[in-house]
Amino acid sequence: MAVSRQSISRCDRVDEASPMLKVFISMISQTKIQDYQQQIQYARIKANVLIKYPRN
């Protein structure tokens, strides 16, 4: 299984990405996490309402 030197150096470059890029990527993942948390919260509220007031 031969690994080309190009792919290895490419990984190094990603590792040495500019600090701003790393901050940007972490910001994107943070907002995604917050988005999912809001969806979970909404689903919980909806579930509680359905338990308290069944539709049928």
N, C-alpha and C. Protein backbone atom coordinates (compact mmCIF):
# COMPACT_ATOMS: atom_id res chain seq x y z
N MET A 1 0.85 -1.20 0.00
CA MET A 1 0.00 0.00 0.00
C MET A 1 0.89 1.25 0.00
N ALA A 2 1.06 1.83 -1.14
CA ALA A 2 1.95 2.98 -1.26
C ALA A 2 1.17 4.28 -1.04
N VAL A 3 1.72 5.13 -0.18
CA VAL A 3 1.11 6.44 0.06
C VAL A 3 1.99 7.48 -0.62
N SER A 4 1.41 8.24 -1.52
CA SER A 4 2.20 9.24 -2.24
C SER A 4 2.61 10.36 -1.30
N ARG A 5 3.77 10.94 -1.56
CA ARG A 5 4.25 12.04 -0.70
C ARG A 5 3.32 13.24 -0.81
N GLN A 6 2.67 13.38 -1.95
CA GLN A 6 1.78 14.52 -2.15
C GLN A 6 0.65 14.52 -1.11
N SER A 7 0.02 13.36 -0.92
CA SER A 7 -1.11 13.30 0.01
C SER A 7 -0.65 13.58 1.44
N ILE A 8 0.57 13.15 1.77
CA ILE A 8 1.09 13.40 3.12
C ILE A 8 1.30 14.91 3.32
N SER A 9 1.94 15.56 2.35
CA SER A 9 2.19 17.00 2.48
C SER A 9 0.88 17.78 2.48
N ARG A 10 -0.14 17.28 1.78
CA ARG A 10 -1.43 17.94 1.76
C ARG A 10 -2.03 17.95 3.17
N CYS A 11 -1.92 16.81 3.87
CA CYS A 11 -2.43 16.72 5.24
C CYS A 11 -1.72 17.72 6.14
N ASP A 12 -0.41 17.84 5.95
CA ASP A 12 0.37 18.79 6.75
C ASP A 12 -0.14 20.20 6.51
N ARG A 13 -0.43 20.52 5.26
CA ARG A 13 -0.90 21.87 4.95
C ARG A 13 -2.23 22.16 5.64
N VAL A 14 -3.12 21.19 5.65
CA VAL A 14 -4.41 21.38 6.32
C VAL A 14 -4.18 21.61 7.81
N ASP A 15 -3.23 20.85 8.37
CA ASP A 15 -2.88 20.97 9.78
C ASP A 15 -2.37 22.37 10.10
N GLU A 16 -1.62 22.94 9.16
CA GLU A 16 -1.03 24.27 9.37
C GLU A 16 -1.92 25.36 8.79
N ALA A 17 -3.21 25.10 8.71
CA ALA A 17 -4.14 26.10 8.17
C ALA A 17 -4.06 27.38 9.01
N SER A 18 -4.35 28.49 8.36
CA SER A 18 -4.24 29.78 9.05
C SER A 18 -5.17 29.79 10.27
N PRO A 19 -4.74 30.45 11.34
CA PRO A 19 -5.57 30.51 12.56
C PRO A 19 -6.98 31.04 12.29
N MET A 20 -7.09 32.02 11.37
CA MET A 20 -8.40 32.57 11.05
C MET A 20 -9.32 31.50 10.48
N LEU A 21 -8.76 30.65 9.62
CA LEU A 21 -9.55 29.58 9.02
C LEU A 21 -10.05 28.62 10.09
N LYS A 22 -9.16 28.29 11.03
CA LYS A 22 -9.56 27.39 12.13
C LYS A 22 -10.68 28.01 12.96
N VAL A 23 -10.55 29.31 13.24
CA VAL A 23 -11.59 30.01 14.01
C VAL A 23 -12.90 29.98 13.25
N PHE A 24 -12.82 30.24 11.95
CA PHE A 24 -14.01 30.24 11.09
C PHE A 24 -14.70 28.89 11.11
N ILE A 25 -13.90 27.81 10.97
CA ILE A 25 -14.46 26.46 10.95
C ILE A 25 -15.12 26.15 12.30
N SER A 26 -14.46 26.52 13.40
CA SER A 26 -15.03 26.25 14.72
C SER A 26 -16.31 27.06 14.94
N MET A 27 -16.35 28.30 14.39
CA MET A 27 -17.56 29.11 14.51
C MET A 27 -18.73 28.45 13.78
N ILE A 28 -18.45 27.92 12.58
CA ILE A 28 -19.50 27.26 11.80
C ILE A 28 -20.04 26.06 12.58
N SER A 29 -19.13 25.25 13.13
CA SER A 29 -19.59 24.07 13.86
C SER A 29 -20.35 24.47 15.12
N GLN A 30 -19.95 25.58 15.78
CA GLN A 30 -20.67 26.06 16.95
C GLN A 30 -22.11 26.43 16.59
N THR A 31 -22.30 27.19 15.51
CA THR A 31 -23.64 27.61 15.13
C THR A 31 -24.49 26.39 14.76
N LYS A 32 -23.86 25.38 14.12
CA LYS A 32 -24.59 24.16 13.78
C LYS A 32 -25.06 23.47 15.05
N ILE A 33 -24.18 23.40 16.05
CA ILE A 33 -24.53 22.75 17.32
C ILE A 33 -25.70 23.49 17.96
N GLN A 34 -25.63 24.83 18.00
CA GLN A 34 -26.71 25.63 18.59
C GLN A 34 -28.02 25.40 17.84
N ASP A 35 -27.93 25.29 16.52
CA ASP A 35 -29.10 25.02 15.69
C ASP A 35 -29.76 23.71 16.10
N TYR A 36 -28.92 22.65 16.24
CA TYR A 36 -29.45 21.35 16.63
C TYR A 36 -30.05 21.41 18.03
N GLN A 37 -29.40 22.14 18.95
CA GLN A 37 -29.93 22.26 20.31
C GLN A 37 -31.30 22.92 20.30
N GLN A 38 -31.49 23.94 19.47
CA GLN A 38 -32.79 24.61 19.38
C GLN A 38 -33.84 23.65 18.84
N GLN A 39 -33.47 22.85 17.83
CA GLN A 39 -34.42 21.88 17.27
C GLN A 39 -34.81 20.84 18.31
N ILE A 40 -33.83 20.39 19.11
CA ILE A 40 -34.11 19.41 20.16
C ILE A 40 -35.06 20.01 21.18
N GLN A 41 -34.78 21.26 21.60
CA GLN A 41 -35.62 21.95 22.57
C GLN A 41 -37.05 22.06 22.06
N TYR A 42 -37.20 22.45 20.80
CA TYR A 42 -38.52 22.59 20.18
C TYR A 42 -39.25 21.25 20.17
N ALA A 43 -38.51 20.19 19.82
CA ALA A 43 -39.12 18.85 19.78
C ALA A 43 -39.58 18.42 21.17
N ARG A 44 -38.79 18.74 22.19
CA ARG A 44 -39.16 18.39 23.57
C ARG A 44 -40.43 19.11 23.99
N ILE A 45 -40.51 20.41 23.69
CA ILE A 45 -41.69 21.20 24.04
C ILE A 45 -42.92 20.64 23.35
N LYS A 46 -42.76 20.33 22.05
CA LYS A 46 -43.86 19.78 21.26
C LYS A 46 -44.32 18.45 21.85
N ALA A 47 -43.36 17.61 22.24
CA ALA A 47 -43.69 16.31 22.82
C ALA A 47 -44.44 16.49 24.14
N ASN A 48 -43.98 17.42 24.98
CA ASN A 48 -44.65 17.68 26.26
C ASN A 48 -46.08 18.16 26.05
N VAL A 49 -46.28 19.03 25.07
CA VAL A 49 -47.62 19.53 24.78
C VAL A 49 -48.52 18.38 24.32
N LEU A 50 -47.99 17.50 23.47
CA LEU A 50 -48.79 16.37 22.98
C LEU A 50 -49.12 15.39 24.10
N ILE A 51 -48.21 15.26 25.07
CA ILE A 51 -48.48 14.37 26.21
C ILE A 51 -49.59 14.96 27.07
N LYS A 52 -49.52 16.28 27.32
CA LYS A 52 -50.51 16.94 28.18
C LYS A 52 -51.86 17.06 27.50
N TYR A 53 -51.83 17.38 26.21
CA TYR A 53 -53.08 17.60 25.47
C TYR A 53 -53.13 16.71 24.24
N PRO A 54 -53.47 15.44 24.40
CA PRO A 54 -53.54 14.55 23.23
C PRO A 54 -54.57 15.07 22.22
N ARG A 55 -54.29 14.88 20.96
CA ARG A 55 -55.16 15.44 19.91
C ARG A 55 -56.48 14.70 19.75
N ASN A 56 -56.49 13.41 20.07
CA ASN A 56 -57.74 12.67 19.84
C ASN A 56 -58.74 12.95 20.93
